[in-house]
N, C-alpha and C. Protein backbone atom coordinates (compact mmCIF):
# COMPACT_ATOMS: atom_id res chain seq x y z
N UNK A 1 0.84 -1.18 0.00
CA UNK A 1 0.00 0.00 0.00
C UNK A 1 0.89 1.24 0.00
N UNK A 2 0.84 2.00 -1.08
CA UNK A 2 1.77 3.13 -1.18
C UNK A 2 1.10 4.48 -1.35
N UNK A 3 -0.16 4.50 -1.81
CA UNK A 3 -0.84 5.78 -2.03
C UNK A 3 -2.04 5.88 -1.10
N UNK A 4 -1.98 6.83 -0.19
CA UNK A 4 -3.01 6.97 0.84
C UNK A 4 -3.73 8.30 0.66
N UNK A 5 -5.05 8.27 0.71
CA UNK A 5 -5.87 9.48 0.67
C UNK A 5 -6.41 9.76 2.06
N UNK A 6 -6.26 10.99 2.51
CA UNK A 6 -6.82 11.40 3.80
C UNK A 6 -7.87 12.46 3.55
N UNK A 7 -9.08 12.23 4.03
CA UNK A 7 -10.16 13.20 3.90
C UNK A 7 -10.31 13.93 5.23
N UNK A 8 -10.26 15.24 5.17
CA UNK A 8 -10.26 16.03 6.40
C UNK A 8 -8.84 16.37 6.80
N UNK A 9 -8.05 16.70 5.79
CA UNK A 9 -6.60 16.75 5.94
C UNK A 9 -6.02 17.83 6.82
N UNK A 10 -6.82 18.84 7.21
CA UNK A 10 -6.26 19.90 8.03
C UNK A 10 -6.54 19.70 9.52
N UNK A 11 -7.24 18.63 9.87
CA UNK A 11 -7.46 18.34 11.28
C UNK A 11 -6.15 17.93 11.95
N UNK A 12 -6.12 18.05 13.27
CA UNK A 12 -4.87 17.76 14.00
C UNK A 12 -4.43 16.31 13.85
N UNK A 13 -5.39 15.38 13.90
CA UNK A 13 -5.04 13.96 13.71
C UNK A 13 -4.52 13.74 12.29
N UNK A 14 -5.22 14.32 11.32
CA UNK A 14 -4.83 14.13 9.91
C UNK A 14 -3.46 14.71 9.61
N UNK A 15 -3.17 15.88 10.15
CA UNK A 15 -1.85 16.48 9.90
C UNK A 15 -0.74 15.60 10.47
N UNK A 16 -0.95 15.07 11.66
CA UNK A 16 0.06 14.19 12.26
C UNK A 16 0.17 12.88 11.48
N UNK A 17 -0.96 12.35 11.04
CA UNK A 17 -0.94 11.13 10.23
C UNK A 17 -0.19 11.36 8.92
N UNK A 18 -0.40 12.52 8.31
CA UNK A 18 0.32 12.85 7.09
C UNK A 18 1.83 12.86 7.32
N UNK A 19 2.25 13.44 8.45
CA UNK A 19 3.68 13.47 8.78
C UNK A 19 4.24 12.04 8.91
N UNK A 20 3.51 11.21 9.62
CA UNK A 20 3.97 9.83 9.86
C UNK A 20 4.09 9.07 8.55
N UNK A 21 3.03 9.10 7.74
CA UNK A 21 3.02 8.33 6.50
C UNK A 21 4.04 8.86 5.50
N UNK A 22 4.15 10.18 5.42
CA UNK A 22 5.13 10.77 4.50
C UNK A 22 6.55 10.40 4.91
N UNK A 23 6.81 10.39 6.22
CA UNK A 23 8.14 10.01 6.72
C UNK A 23 8.45 8.55 6.41
N UNK A 24 7.40 7.73 6.27
CA UNK A 24 7.58 6.32 5.93
C UNK A 24 7.77 6.12 4.42
N UNK A 25 7.73 7.22 3.68
CA UNK A 25 7.94 7.13 2.24
C UNK A 25 6.68 6.88 1.44
N UNK A 26 5.51 6.98 2.07
CA UNK A 26 4.27 6.76 1.35
C UNK A 26 3.84 8.04 0.63
N UNK A 27 3.06 7.86 -0.40
CA UNK A 27 2.54 8.97 -1.20
C UNK A 27 1.17 9.34 -0.63
N UNK A 28 1.08 10.48 0.03
CA UNK A 28 -0.14 10.88 0.72
C UNK A 28 -0.81 12.05 0.01
N UNK A 29 -2.08 11.88 -0.33
CA UNK A 29 -2.90 12.99 -0.82
C UNK A 29 -3.84 13.38 0.30
N UNK A 30 -3.77 14.64 0.71
CA UNK A 30 -4.58 15.10 1.83
C UNK A 30 -5.61 16.09 1.33
N UNK A 31 -6.89 15.71 1.45
CA UNK A 31 -7.98 16.51 0.92
C UNK A 31 -8.48 17.51 1.95
N UNK A 32 -8.58 18.75 1.53
CA UNK A 32 -8.97 19.85 2.41
C UNK A 32 -10.08 20.66 1.75
N UNK A 33 -10.88 21.30 2.57
CA UNK A 33 -11.96 22.15 2.04
C UNK A 33 -11.48 23.56 1.75
N UNK A 34 -10.58 24.05 2.58
CA UNK A 34 -10.14 25.44 2.50
C UNK A 34 -8.80 25.54 1.78
N UNK A 35 -8.73 26.20 0.63
CA UNK A 35 -7.45 26.33 -0.10
C UNK A 35 -6.36 27.00 0.72
N UNK A 36 -6.75 27.82 1.71
CA UNK A 36 -5.76 28.51 2.53
C UNK A 36 -4.94 27.55 3.40
N UNK A 37 -5.38 26.31 3.49
CA UNK A 37 -4.68 25.33 4.34
C UNK A 37 -3.64 24.52 3.57
N UNK A 38 -3.46 24.85 2.29
CA UNK A 38 -2.51 24.07 1.46
C UNK A 38 -1.11 24.03 2.08
N UNK A 39 -0.61 25.18 2.52
CA UNK A 39 0.76 25.23 3.03
C UNK A 39 0.93 24.37 4.28
N UNK A 40 -0.05 24.39 5.17
CA UNK A 40 0.04 23.57 6.39
C UNK A 40 0.13 22.09 6.03
N UNK A 41 -0.66 21.69 5.05
CA UNK A 41 -0.66 20.29 4.64
C UNK A 41 0.64 19.93 3.93
N UNK A 42 1.08 20.79 3.04
CA UNK A 42 2.32 20.52 2.30
C UNK A 42 3.51 20.39 3.24
N UNK A 43 3.48 21.12 4.35
CA UNK A 43 4.59 21.07 5.31
C UNK A 43 4.73 19.70 5.96
N UNK A 44 3.69 18.88 5.90
CA UNK A 44 3.76 17.54 6.48
C UNK A 44 4.39 16.54 5.51
N UNK A 45 4.56 16.94 4.26
CA UNK A 45 5.07 16.03 3.24
C UNK A 45 3.98 15.48 2.34
N UNK A 46 2.71 15.77 2.69
CA UNK A 46 1.59 15.30 1.87
C UNK A 46 1.33 16.26 0.72
N UNK A 47 0.61 15.78 -0.27
CA UNK A 47 0.17 16.62 -1.38
C UNK A 47 -1.23 17.13 -1.07
N UNK A 48 -1.40 18.45 -0.92
CA UNK A 48 -2.74 18.97 -0.63
C UNK A 48 -3.61 18.98 -1.88
N UNK A 49 -4.89 18.68 -1.69
CA UNK A 49 -5.85 18.73 -2.79
C UNK A 49 -7.16 19.27 -2.24
N UNK A 50 -7.74 20.22 -2.93
CA UNK A 50 -8.98 20.84 -2.46
C UNK A 50 -10.18 19.99 -2.90
N UNK A 51 -10.98 19.59 -1.90
CA UNK A 51 -12.19 18.81 -2.16
C UNK A 51 -13.17 19.09 -1.04
N UNK A 52 -14.28 19.71 -1.37
CA UNK A 52 -15.33 20.00 -0.40
C UNK A 52 -16.28 18.81 -0.38
N UNK A 53 -16.01 17.85 0.50
CA UNK A 53 -16.80 16.61 0.48
C UNK A 53 -18.25 16.86 0.84
N UNK A 54 -18.51 17.91 1.62
CA UNK A 54 -19.89 18.21 2.00
C UNK A 54 -20.75 18.50 0.78
N UNK A 55 -20.15 19.12 -0.22
CA UNK A 55 -20.90 19.54 -1.40
C UNK A 55 -20.48 18.82 -2.67
N UNK A 56 -19.74 17.72 -2.52
CA UNK A 56 -19.30 16.94 -3.68
C UNK A 56 -20.19 15.72 -3.86
N UNK A 57 -20.39 15.33 -5.10
CA UNK A 57 -21.16 14.12 -5.39
C UNK A 57 -20.29 12.89 -5.18
N UNK A 58 -20.93 11.74 -5.13
CA UNK A 58 -20.20 10.48 -5.03
C UNK A 58 -19.22 10.33 -6.19
N UNK A 59 -19.66 10.68 -7.39
CA UNK A 59 -18.81 10.55 -8.57
C UNK A 59 -17.59 11.47 -8.47
N UNK A 60 -17.79 12.68 -7.97
CA UNK A 60 -16.67 13.62 -7.83
C UNK A 60 -15.66 13.13 -6.79
N UNK A 61 -16.16 12.57 -5.70
CA UNK A 61 -15.24 12.04 -4.69
C UNK A 61 -14.51 10.82 -5.24
N UNK A 62 -15.22 9.99 -5.98
CA UNK A 62 -14.60 8.80 -6.56
C UNK A 62 -13.47 9.19 -7.50
N UNK A 63 -13.68 10.21 -8.29
CA UNK A 63 -12.65 10.65 -9.22
C UNK A 63 -11.41 11.11 -8.45
N UNK A 64 -11.62 11.79 -7.32
CA UNK A 64 -10.49 12.25 -6.51
C UNK A 64 -9.74 11.08 -5.87
N UNK A 65 -10.46 10.00 -5.58
CA UNK A 65 -9.85 8.86 -4.89
C UNK A 65 -9.19 7.86 -5.83
N UNK A 66 -9.40 7.98 -7.10
CA UNK A 66 -8.85 7.00 -8.03
C UNK A 66 -7.33 6.91 -7.90
N UNK A 67 -6.82 5.69 -8.09
CA UNK A 67 -5.39 5.40 -8.05
C UNK A 67 -4.79 5.48 -6.64
N UNK A 68 -5.65 5.50 -5.62
CA UNK A 68 -5.16 5.39 -4.25
C UNK A 68 -5.39 3.96 -3.76
N UNK A 69 -4.61 3.57 -2.77
CA UNK A 69 -4.73 2.22 -2.23
C UNK A 69 -5.61 2.16 -0.98
N UNK A 70 -5.75 3.28 -0.31
CA UNK A 70 -6.54 3.32 0.92
C UNK A 70 -7.02 4.74 1.15
N UNK A 71 -8.11 4.85 1.90
CA UNK A 71 -8.63 6.15 2.28
C UNK A 71 -8.84 6.18 3.79
N UNK A 72 -8.49 7.31 4.39
CA UNK A 72 -8.72 7.53 5.81
C UNK A 72 -9.70 8.69 5.95
N UNK A 73 -10.84 8.44 6.60
CA UNK A 73 -11.80 9.50 6.86
C UNK A 73 -11.49 10.11 8.22
N UNK A 74 -11.06 11.36 8.21
CA UNK A 74 -10.76 12.07 9.44
C UNK A 74 -11.42 13.44 9.43
N UNK A 75 -12.49 13.56 8.64
CA UNK A 75 -13.20 14.82 8.50
C UNK A 75 -14.33 14.91 9.52
N UNK A 76 -14.82 16.12 9.71
CA UNK A 76 -15.96 16.34 10.60
C UNK A 76 -16.43 17.76 10.52
N UNK A 77 -17.69 17.96 10.83
CA UNK A 77 -18.25 19.30 10.80
C UNK A 77 -17.71 20.16 11.94
N UNK A 78 -17.24 19.52 13.00
CA UNK A 78 -16.67 20.27 14.11
C UNK A 78 -17.70 20.94 14.98
N UNK A 79 -18.88 20.34 15.08
CA UNK A 79 -19.92 20.93 15.90
C UNK A 79 -20.71 21.97 15.12
N UNK A 80 -21.39 22.84 15.83
CA UNK A 80 -22.22 23.82 15.15
C UNK A 80 -23.61 23.26 14.89
N UNK A 81 -24.17 23.58 13.74
CA UNK A 81 -25.55 23.20 13.47
C UNK A 81 -25.70 21.70 13.27
N UNK A 82 -26.78 21.11 13.84
CA UNK A 82 -27.03 19.69 13.62
C UNK A 82 -27.14 19.35 12.13
N UNK A 83 -27.76 20.24 11.35
CA UNK A 83 -27.92 19.96 9.92
C UNK A 83 -26.57 19.76 9.24
N UNK A 84 -25.62 20.61 9.57
CA UNK A 84 -24.30 20.47 8.95
C UNK A 84 -23.58 19.23 9.49
N UNK A 85 -23.78 18.92 10.76
CA UNK A 85 -23.18 17.71 11.33
C UNK A 85 -23.66 16.48 10.58
N UNK A 86 -24.97 16.39 10.34
CA UNK A 86 -25.49 15.26 9.58
C UNK A 86 -24.97 15.28 8.13
N UNK A 87 -24.86 16.48 7.57
CA UNK A 87 -24.41 16.60 6.17
C UNK A 87 -22.98 16.11 5.99
N UNK A 88 -22.12 16.38 6.97
CA UNK A 88 -20.71 15.99 6.85
C UNK A 88 -20.46 14.62 7.47
N UNK A 89 -20.76 14.49 8.75
CA UNK A 89 -20.36 13.29 9.50
C UNK A 89 -21.15 12.04 9.12
N UNK A 90 -22.33 12.22 8.58
CA UNK A 90 -23.11 11.07 8.11
C UNK A 90 -23.14 11.01 6.58
N UNK A 91 -23.75 12.01 5.96
CA UNK A 91 -24.04 11.92 4.52
C UNK A 91 -22.78 11.95 3.66
N UNK A 92 -21.87 12.90 3.92
CA UNK A 92 -20.64 12.96 3.13
C UNK A 92 -19.77 11.74 3.41
N UNK A 93 -19.75 11.29 4.65
CA UNK A 93 -18.96 10.10 4.98
C UNK A 93 -19.47 8.89 4.19
N UNK A 94 -20.78 8.74 4.14
CA UNK A 94 -21.35 7.61 3.41
C UNK A 94 -21.05 7.73 1.91
N UNK A 95 -21.14 8.96 1.37
CA UNK A 95 -20.78 9.13 -0.05
C UNK A 95 -19.33 8.76 -0.29
N UNK A 96 -18.46 9.06 0.68
CA UNK A 96 -17.04 8.72 0.49
C UNK A 96 -16.84 7.21 0.46
N UNK A 97 -17.64 6.48 1.22
CA UNK A 97 -17.55 5.01 1.20
C UNK A 97 -18.00 4.48 -0.16
N UNK A 98 -19.11 5.01 -0.65
CA UNK A 98 -19.59 4.61 -1.97
C UNK A 98 -18.57 4.98 -3.05
N UNK A 99 -17.95 6.15 -2.86
CA UNK A 99 -16.94 6.61 -3.83
C UNK A 99 -15.72 5.72 -3.81
N UNK A 100 -15.29 5.30 -2.62
CA UNK A 100 -14.13 4.41 -2.52
C UNK A 100 -14.38 3.12 -3.28
N UNK A 101 -15.58 2.55 -3.10
CA UNK A 101 -15.92 1.33 -3.82
C UNK A 101 -15.94 1.58 -5.33
N UNK A 102 -16.51 2.70 -5.73
CA UNK A 102 -16.60 3.04 -7.15
C UNK A 102 -15.22 3.23 -7.77
N UNK A 103 -14.30 3.78 -6.97
CA UNK A 103 -12.95 4.04 -7.47
C UNK A 103 -12.02 2.84 -7.33
N UNK A 104 -12.51 1.76 -6.74
CA UNK A 104 -11.68 0.57 -6.58
C UNK A 104 -10.69 0.67 -5.44
N UNK A 105 -10.98 1.54 -4.47
CA UNK A 105 -10.13 1.67 -3.27
C UNK A 105 -10.73 0.79 -2.18
N UNK A 106 -10.13 -0.35 -1.94
CA UNK A 106 -10.76 -1.32 -1.06
C UNK A 106 -10.57 -1.08 0.43
N UNK A 107 -9.48 -0.42 0.81
CA UNK A 107 -9.17 -0.25 2.23
C UNK A 107 -9.70 1.10 2.72
N UNK A 108 -10.43 1.09 3.82
CA UNK A 108 -11.08 2.30 4.31
C UNK A 108 -10.95 2.35 5.83
N UNK A 109 -10.35 3.42 6.33
CA UNK A 109 -10.18 3.61 7.77
C UNK A 109 -11.09 4.76 8.21
N UNK A 110 -11.97 4.49 9.14
CA UNK A 110 -12.87 5.51 9.69
C UNK A 110 -12.40 5.91 11.08
N UNK A 111 -12.15 7.20 11.29
CA UNK A 111 -11.87 7.70 12.63
C UNK A 111 -13.20 8.07 13.26
N UNK A 112 -13.62 7.27 14.23
CA UNK A 112 -14.88 7.49 14.92
C UNK A 112 -14.56 7.90 16.36
N UNK A 113 -15.26 7.38 17.34
CA UNK A 113 -14.95 7.72 18.73
C UNK A 113 -15.36 6.58 19.66
N UNK A 114 -14.78 6.56 20.83
CA UNK A 114 -15.03 5.53 21.84
C UNK A 114 -16.50 5.61 22.29
N UNK A 115 -17.23 4.51 22.11
CA UNK A 115 -18.62 4.47 22.53
C UNK A 115 -19.61 4.79 21.43
N UNK A 116 -19.13 4.98 20.20
CA UNK A 116 -20.04 5.28 19.09
C UNK A 116 -20.94 4.08 18.82
N UNK A 117 -22.15 4.37 18.37
CA UNK A 117 -23.08 3.30 18.02
C UNK A 117 -24.50 3.69 18.35
N UNK A 118 -25.47 2.88 17.96
CA UNK A 118 -26.88 3.21 18.18
C UNK A 118 -27.24 3.32 19.66
N UNK A 119 -26.45 2.68 20.52
CA UNK A 119 -26.70 2.74 21.96
C UNK A 119 -25.76 3.74 22.63
N UNK A 120 -25.46 4.85 21.94
CA UNK A 120 -24.48 5.83 22.44
C UNK A 120 -24.92 6.49 23.74
N UNK A 121 -26.21 6.53 24.00
CA UNK A 121 -26.70 7.04 25.28
C UNK A 121 -26.70 8.55 25.41
N UNK A 122 -26.47 9.28 24.34
CA UNK A 122 -26.46 10.74 24.42
C UNK A 122 -27.90 11.24 24.33
N UNK A 123 -28.37 12.03 25.29
CA UNK A 123 -29.74 12.54 25.25
C UNK A 123 -29.99 13.44 24.05
N UNK A 124 -31.22 13.44 23.58
CA UNK A 124 -31.57 14.22 22.39
C UNK A 124 -31.39 15.72 22.58
N UNK A 125 -31.42 16.17 23.83
CA UNK A 125 -31.27 17.61 24.07
C UNK A 125 -29.82 18.00 24.34
N UNK A 126 -28.90 17.05 24.16
CA UNK A 126 -27.47 17.31 24.36
C UNK A 126 -26.86 17.79 23.05
N UNK A 127 -25.95 18.76 23.11
CA UNK A 127 -25.33 19.29 21.92
C UNK A 127 -24.52 18.27 21.13
N UNK A 128 -24.16 17.15 21.77
CA UNK A 128 -23.37 16.11 21.12
C UNK A 128 -24.25 15.11 20.38
N UNK A 129 -25.58 15.23 20.55
CA UNK A 129 -26.51 14.21 20.04
C UNK A 129 -26.41 14.03 18.52
N UNK A 130 -26.41 15.14 17.78
CA UNK A 130 -26.37 15.03 16.31
C UNK A 130 -25.11 14.32 15.86
N UNK A 131 -23.98 14.63 16.49
CA UNK A 131 -22.72 13.98 16.13
C UNK A 131 -22.79 12.48 16.44
N UNK A 132 -23.31 12.15 17.63
CA UNK A 132 -23.41 10.73 18.02
C UNK A 132 -24.30 9.97 17.05
N UNK A 133 -25.41 10.57 16.66
CA UNK A 133 -26.32 9.92 15.71
C UNK A 133 -25.67 9.78 14.33
N UNK A 134 -24.98 10.84 13.90
CA UNK A 134 -24.35 10.82 12.59
C UNK A 134 -23.26 9.76 12.51
N UNK A 135 -22.44 9.68 13.55
CA UNK A 135 -21.36 8.69 13.54
C UNK A 135 -21.92 7.28 13.64
N UNK A 136 -22.97 7.10 14.43
CA UNK A 136 -23.59 5.77 14.52
C UNK A 136 -24.07 5.31 13.16
N UNK A 137 -24.70 6.21 12.42
CA UNK A 137 -25.22 5.87 11.09
C UNK A 137 -24.10 5.59 10.11
N UNK A 138 -23.06 6.43 10.13
CA UNK A 138 -21.95 6.25 9.20
C UNK A 138 -21.20 4.95 9.49
N UNK A 139 -20.94 4.68 10.76
CA UNK A 139 -20.23 3.46 11.11
C UNK A 139 -21.03 2.22 10.72
N UNK A 140 -22.35 2.27 10.96
CA UNK A 140 -23.20 1.13 10.61
C UNK A 140 -23.21 0.91 9.10
N UNK A 141 -23.26 1.98 8.35
CA UNK A 141 -23.24 1.86 6.89
C UNK A 141 -21.94 1.23 6.43
N UNK A 142 -20.83 1.68 7.02
CA UNK A 142 -19.51 1.17 6.63
C UNK A 142 -19.42 -0.33 6.89
N UNK A 143 -19.95 -0.77 8.03
CA UNK A 143 -19.90 -2.20 8.36
C UNK A 143 -20.69 -3.04 7.36
N UNK A 144 -21.64 -2.43 6.69
CA UNK A 144 -22.45 -3.15 5.71
C UNK A 144 -21.89 -3.16 4.31
N UNK A 145 -20.76 -2.47 4.12
CA UNK A 145 -20.15 -2.44 2.79
C UNK A 145 -19.22 -3.64 2.60
N UNK A 146 -18.71 -3.77 1.39
CA UNK A 146 -17.73 -4.82 1.10
C UNK A 146 -16.30 -4.29 1.18
N UNK A 147 -16.14 -3.06 1.66
CA UNK A 147 -14.80 -2.49 1.83
C UNK A 147 -14.05 -3.22 2.94
N UNK A 148 -12.74 -3.19 2.87
CA UNK A 148 -11.91 -3.71 3.97
C UNK A 148 -11.75 -2.57 4.98
N UNK A 149 -12.78 -2.41 5.79
CA UNK A 149 -12.85 -1.27 6.69
C UNK A 149 -12.24 -1.59 8.05
N UNK A 150 -11.77 -0.54 8.69
CA UNK A 150 -11.42 -0.58 10.11
C UNK A 150 -11.98 0.69 10.73
N UNK A 151 -12.71 0.54 11.82
CA UNK A 151 -13.26 1.69 12.53
C UNK A 151 -12.45 1.91 13.80
N UNK A 152 -11.89 3.10 13.93
CA UNK A 152 -11.09 3.44 15.10
C UNK A 152 -11.94 4.27 16.07
N UNK A 153 -11.93 3.87 17.34
CA UNK A 153 -12.72 4.56 18.34
C UNK A 153 -11.86 5.08 19.48
N UNK A 154 -11.14 6.18 19.26
CA UNK A 154 -10.35 6.75 20.35
C UNK A 154 -11.25 7.40 21.40
N UNK A 155 -10.72 7.49 22.61
CA UNK A 155 -11.44 8.18 23.67
C UNK A 155 -11.35 9.68 23.51
N UNK A 156 -11.66 10.39 24.59
CA UNK A 156 -11.68 11.86 24.55
C UNK A 156 -10.33 12.40 24.10
N UNK A 157 -10.32 13.17 23.03
CA UNK A 157 -9.07 13.60 22.40
C UNK A 157 -8.39 14.72 23.18
N UNK A 158 -7.07 14.62 23.26
CA UNK A 158 -6.26 15.64 23.92
C UNK A 158 -5.10 16.00 23.00
N UNK A 159 -4.47 17.11 23.31
CA UNK A 159 -3.28 17.52 22.56
C UNK A 159 -2.00 17.11 23.27
N UNK A 160 -2.11 16.18 24.20
CA UNK A 160 -0.94 15.70 24.92
C UNK A 160 0.02 14.98 24.00
N UNK A 161 1.25 14.77 24.47
CA UNK A 161 2.24 14.08 23.64
C UNK A 161 1.83 12.64 23.37
N UNK A 162 1.99 12.23 22.15
CA UNK A 162 1.69 10.84 21.80
C UNK A 162 2.91 9.97 22.06
N UNK A 163 2.82 9.11 23.05
CA UNK A 163 3.97 8.27 23.39
C UNK A 163 3.90 6.89 22.77
N UNK A 164 2.86 6.65 21.95
CA UNK A 164 2.74 5.35 21.30
C UNK A 164 2.30 4.24 22.21
N UNK A 165 1.74 4.58 23.36
CA UNK A 165 1.28 3.58 24.33
C UNK A 165 -0.23 3.68 24.46
N UNK A 166 -0.93 2.56 24.24
CA UNK A 166 -2.40 2.57 24.28
C UNK A 166 -2.94 1.32 24.97
N UNK A 167 -4.19 1.38 25.33
CA UNK A 167 -4.96 0.21 25.75
C UNK A 167 -6.08 0.03 24.73
N UNK A 168 -6.25 -1.19 24.23
CA UNK A 168 -7.24 -1.48 23.20
C UNK A 168 -8.46 -2.16 23.82
N UNK A 169 -9.64 -1.69 23.42
CA UNK A 169 -10.90 -2.27 23.88
C UNK A 169 -10.93 -2.50 25.39
N UNK A 170 -10.60 -1.47 26.18
CA UNK A 170 -10.56 -1.65 27.63
C UNK A 170 -11.95 -1.94 28.19
N UNK A 171 -12.04 -3.00 28.99
CA UNK A 171 -13.32 -3.36 29.60
C UNK A 171 -13.66 -2.44 30.76
N UNK A 172 -12.63 -1.90 31.39
CA UNK A 172 -12.80 -1.04 32.55
C UNK A 172 -12.45 0.40 32.16
N UNK A 173 -13.45 1.26 32.18
CA UNK A 173 -13.24 2.66 31.80
C UNK A 173 -12.88 3.54 32.98
N UNK A 174 -12.67 2.93 34.13
CA UNK A 174 -12.39 3.73 35.33
C UNK A 174 -11.06 4.47 35.23
N UNK A 175 -10.18 3.98 34.35
CA UNK A 175 -8.89 4.65 34.17
C UNK A 175 -8.97 5.84 33.26
N UNK A 176 -10.17 6.22 32.86
CA UNK A 176 -10.35 7.35 31.95
C UNK A 176 -10.29 6.92 30.50
N UNK A 177 -10.60 7.85 29.62
CA UNK A 177 -10.61 7.55 28.19
C UNK A 177 -9.81 8.56 27.39
N UNK A 178 -8.99 9.34 28.04
CA UNK A 178 -8.22 10.35 27.30
C UNK A 178 -7.28 9.69 26.29
N UNK A 179 -7.22 10.29 25.12
CA UNK A 179 -6.40 9.75 24.03
C UNK A 179 -5.73 10.91 23.29
N UNK A 180 -4.42 10.90 23.26
CA UNK A 180 -3.70 11.95 22.54
C UNK A 180 -3.95 11.82 21.05
N UNK A 181 -4.20 12.94 20.40
CA UNK A 181 -4.40 12.91 18.95
C UNK A 181 -3.20 12.29 18.24
N UNK A 182 -2.02 12.52 18.77
CA UNK A 182 -0.82 11.92 18.17
C UNK A 182 -0.87 10.40 18.24
N UNK A 183 -1.44 9.86 19.30
CA UNK A 183 -1.58 8.41 19.39
C UNK A 183 -2.63 7.90 18.41
N UNK A 184 -3.68 8.67 18.19
CA UNK A 184 -4.68 8.29 17.19
C UNK A 184 -4.02 8.18 15.82
N UNK A 185 -3.18 9.14 15.49
CA UNK A 185 -2.46 9.11 14.21
C UNK A 185 -1.56 7.89 14.11
N UNK A 186 -0.89 7.56 15.20
CA UNK A 186 -0.02 6.38 15.20
C UNK A 186 -0.82 5.10 14.98
N UNK A 187 -1.99 5.01 15.59
CA UNK A 187 -2.83 3.83 15.41
C UNK A 187 -3.34 3.76 13.98
N UNK A 188 -3.77 4.88 13.43
CA UNK A 188 -4.26 4.88 12.05
C UNK A 188 -3.16 4.45 11.08
N UNK A 189 -1.96 4.95 11.29
CA UNK A 189 -0.84 4.56 10.44
C UNK A 189 -0.56 3.07 10.57
N UNK A 190 -0.64 2.57 11.79
CA UNK A 190 -0.34 1.15 12.02
C UNK A 190 -1.36 0.23 11.36
N UNK A 191 -2.65 0.55 11.48
CA UNK A 191 -3.66 -0.35 10.92
C UNK A 191 -3.62 -0.35 9.39
N UNK A 192 -3.16 0.74 8.79
CA UNK A 192 -3.01 0.75 7.34
C UNK A 192 -2.06 -0.34 6.87
N UNK A 193 -1.10 -0.68 7.71
CA UNK A 193 -0.13 -1.71 7.37
C UNK A 193 -0.49 -3.09 7.92
N UNK A 194 -1.69 -3.21 8.48
CA UNK A 194 -2.11 -4.49 9.08
C UNK A 194 -3.42 -4.96 8.46
N UNK A 195 -3.36 -5.72 7.37
CA UNK A 195 -4.59 -6.21 6.75
C UNK A 195 -5.46 -7.01 7.72
N UNK A 196 -4.84 -7.58 8.75
CA UNK A 196 -5.58 -8.39 9.72
C UNK A 196 -6.53 -7.56 10.57
N UNK A 197 -6.40 -6.22 10.53
CA UNK A 197 -7.33 -5.38 11.29
C UNK A 197 -8.56 -4.99 10.46
N UNK A 198 -8.64 -5.49 9.24
CA UNK A 198 -9.80 -5.19 8.40
C UNK A 198 -11.05 -5.81 9.00
N UNK A 199 -12.16 -5.08 8.86
CA UNK A 199 -13.48 -5.49 9.35
C UNK A 199 -13.48 -5.64 10.88
N UNK A 200 -12.75 -4.75 11.52
CA UNK A 200 -12.69 -4.71 12.98
C UNK A 200 -12.98 -3.30 13.47
N UNK A 201 -13.61 -3.22 14.62
CA UNK A 201 -13.78 -1.96 15.33
C UNK A 201 -12.82 -1.96 16.50
N UNK A 202 -11.97 -0.95 16.58
CA UNK A 202 -10.92 -0.92 17.60
C UNK A 202 -11.10 0.34 18.45
N UNK A 203 -11.54 0.14 19.68
CA UNK A 203 -11.63 1.25 20.62
C UNK A 203 -10.36 1.28 21.45
N UNK A 204 -9.89 2.47 21.78
CA UNK A 204 -8.63 2.54 22.52
C UNK A 204 -8.51 3.88 23.24
N UNK A 205 -7.55 3.93 24.12
CA UNK A 205 -7.22 5.13 24.88
C UNK A 205 -5.72 5.11 25.16
N UNK A 206 -5.19 6.21 25.66
CA UNK A 206 -3.80 6.21 26.10
C UNK A 206 -3.65 5.13 27.17
N UNK A 207 -2.53 4.38 27.08
CA UNK A 207 -2.43 3.26 28.01
C UNK A 207 -1.04 2.76 28.25
N UNK A 208 -0.89 1.43 28.22
CA UNK A 208 0.31 0.79 28.75
C UNK A 208 1.07 -0.07 27.75
N UNK A 209 0.50 -0.31 26.57
CA UNK A 209 1.16 -1.18 25.60
C UNK A 209 1.58 -0.39 24.36
N UNK A 210 2.73 -0.70 23.79
CA UNK A 210 3.09 -0.09 22.51
C UNK A 210 2.02 -0.41 21.46
N UNK A 211 1.80 0.50 20.53
CA UNK A 211 0.73 0.35 19.55
C UNK A 211 0.78 -1.01 18.86
N UNK A 212 1.95 -1.41 18.40
CA UNK A 212 2.06 -2.68 17.68
C UNK A 212 1.61 -3.85 18.53
N UNK A 213 2.04 -3.87 19.79
CA UNK A 213 1.67 -4.98 20.69
C UNK A 213 0.19 -4.93 21.00
N UNK A 214 -0.35 -3.74 21.21
CA UNK A 214 -1.78 -3.61 21.51
C UNK A 214 -2.63 -4.09 20.35
N UNK A 215 -2.22 -3.78 19.13
CA UNK A 215 -3.01 -4.17 17.96
C UNK A 215 -2.92 -5.67 17.68
N UNK A 216 -1.91 -6.33 18.21
CA UNK A 216 -1.85 -7.80 18.06
C UNK A 216 -3.06 -8.45 18.71
N UNK A 217 -3.63 -7.78 19.71
CA UNK A 217 -4.78 -8.35 20.41
C UNK A 217 -6.04 -8.38 19.55
N UNK A 218 -6.07 -7.56 18.51
CA UNK A 218 -7.28 -7.50 17.68
C UNK A 218 -6.99 -7.94 16.24
N UNK A 219 -5.77 -8.30 15.93
CA UNK A 219 -5.41 -8.71 14.57
C UNK A 219 -5.76 -10.17 14.35
């Protein structure tokens, strides 16, 4: 796998992932909505490409994804109006899955969150509700595709240093769920190189095992 497409390329996780993959010698195309972010993306070693997935058709996304080996969805509306959250985190995400299949890109990594799913438990009057519903729908759709998908569910994101140490699928949440964005990027990079993680949902947080060793538990 040598050509990787990242959707949502200016996010903190995506920028770090671009740095990691580019340093490994991979050819990374990082898709961004805002042309002003080109320089930030290029500084990571990735090739910036402007693509507004919220307003792009499946065919347009497929054309952008052609000739890539894998796609990583790391985009999001970032809160705000529920309508836009559904438009990006659910509808555009689903179009990107259909586009990946149309373009012949079989490997698909979804960055979701710890606890995502139809039983997310977020009350309807909570500001997080639209996001929880959107991610539940997108993740469920992805699981029903024929793509070689992996869904990553990091805990509450922090800007702390990523030390490459995580706990995978922890049964006991009493130790907290904080997860450095840098560790999320390390996990995403690792699963791209692990076909055995396909069709798996991997929840994790900052923890005690090196990423490679932790992922052996789910490979």
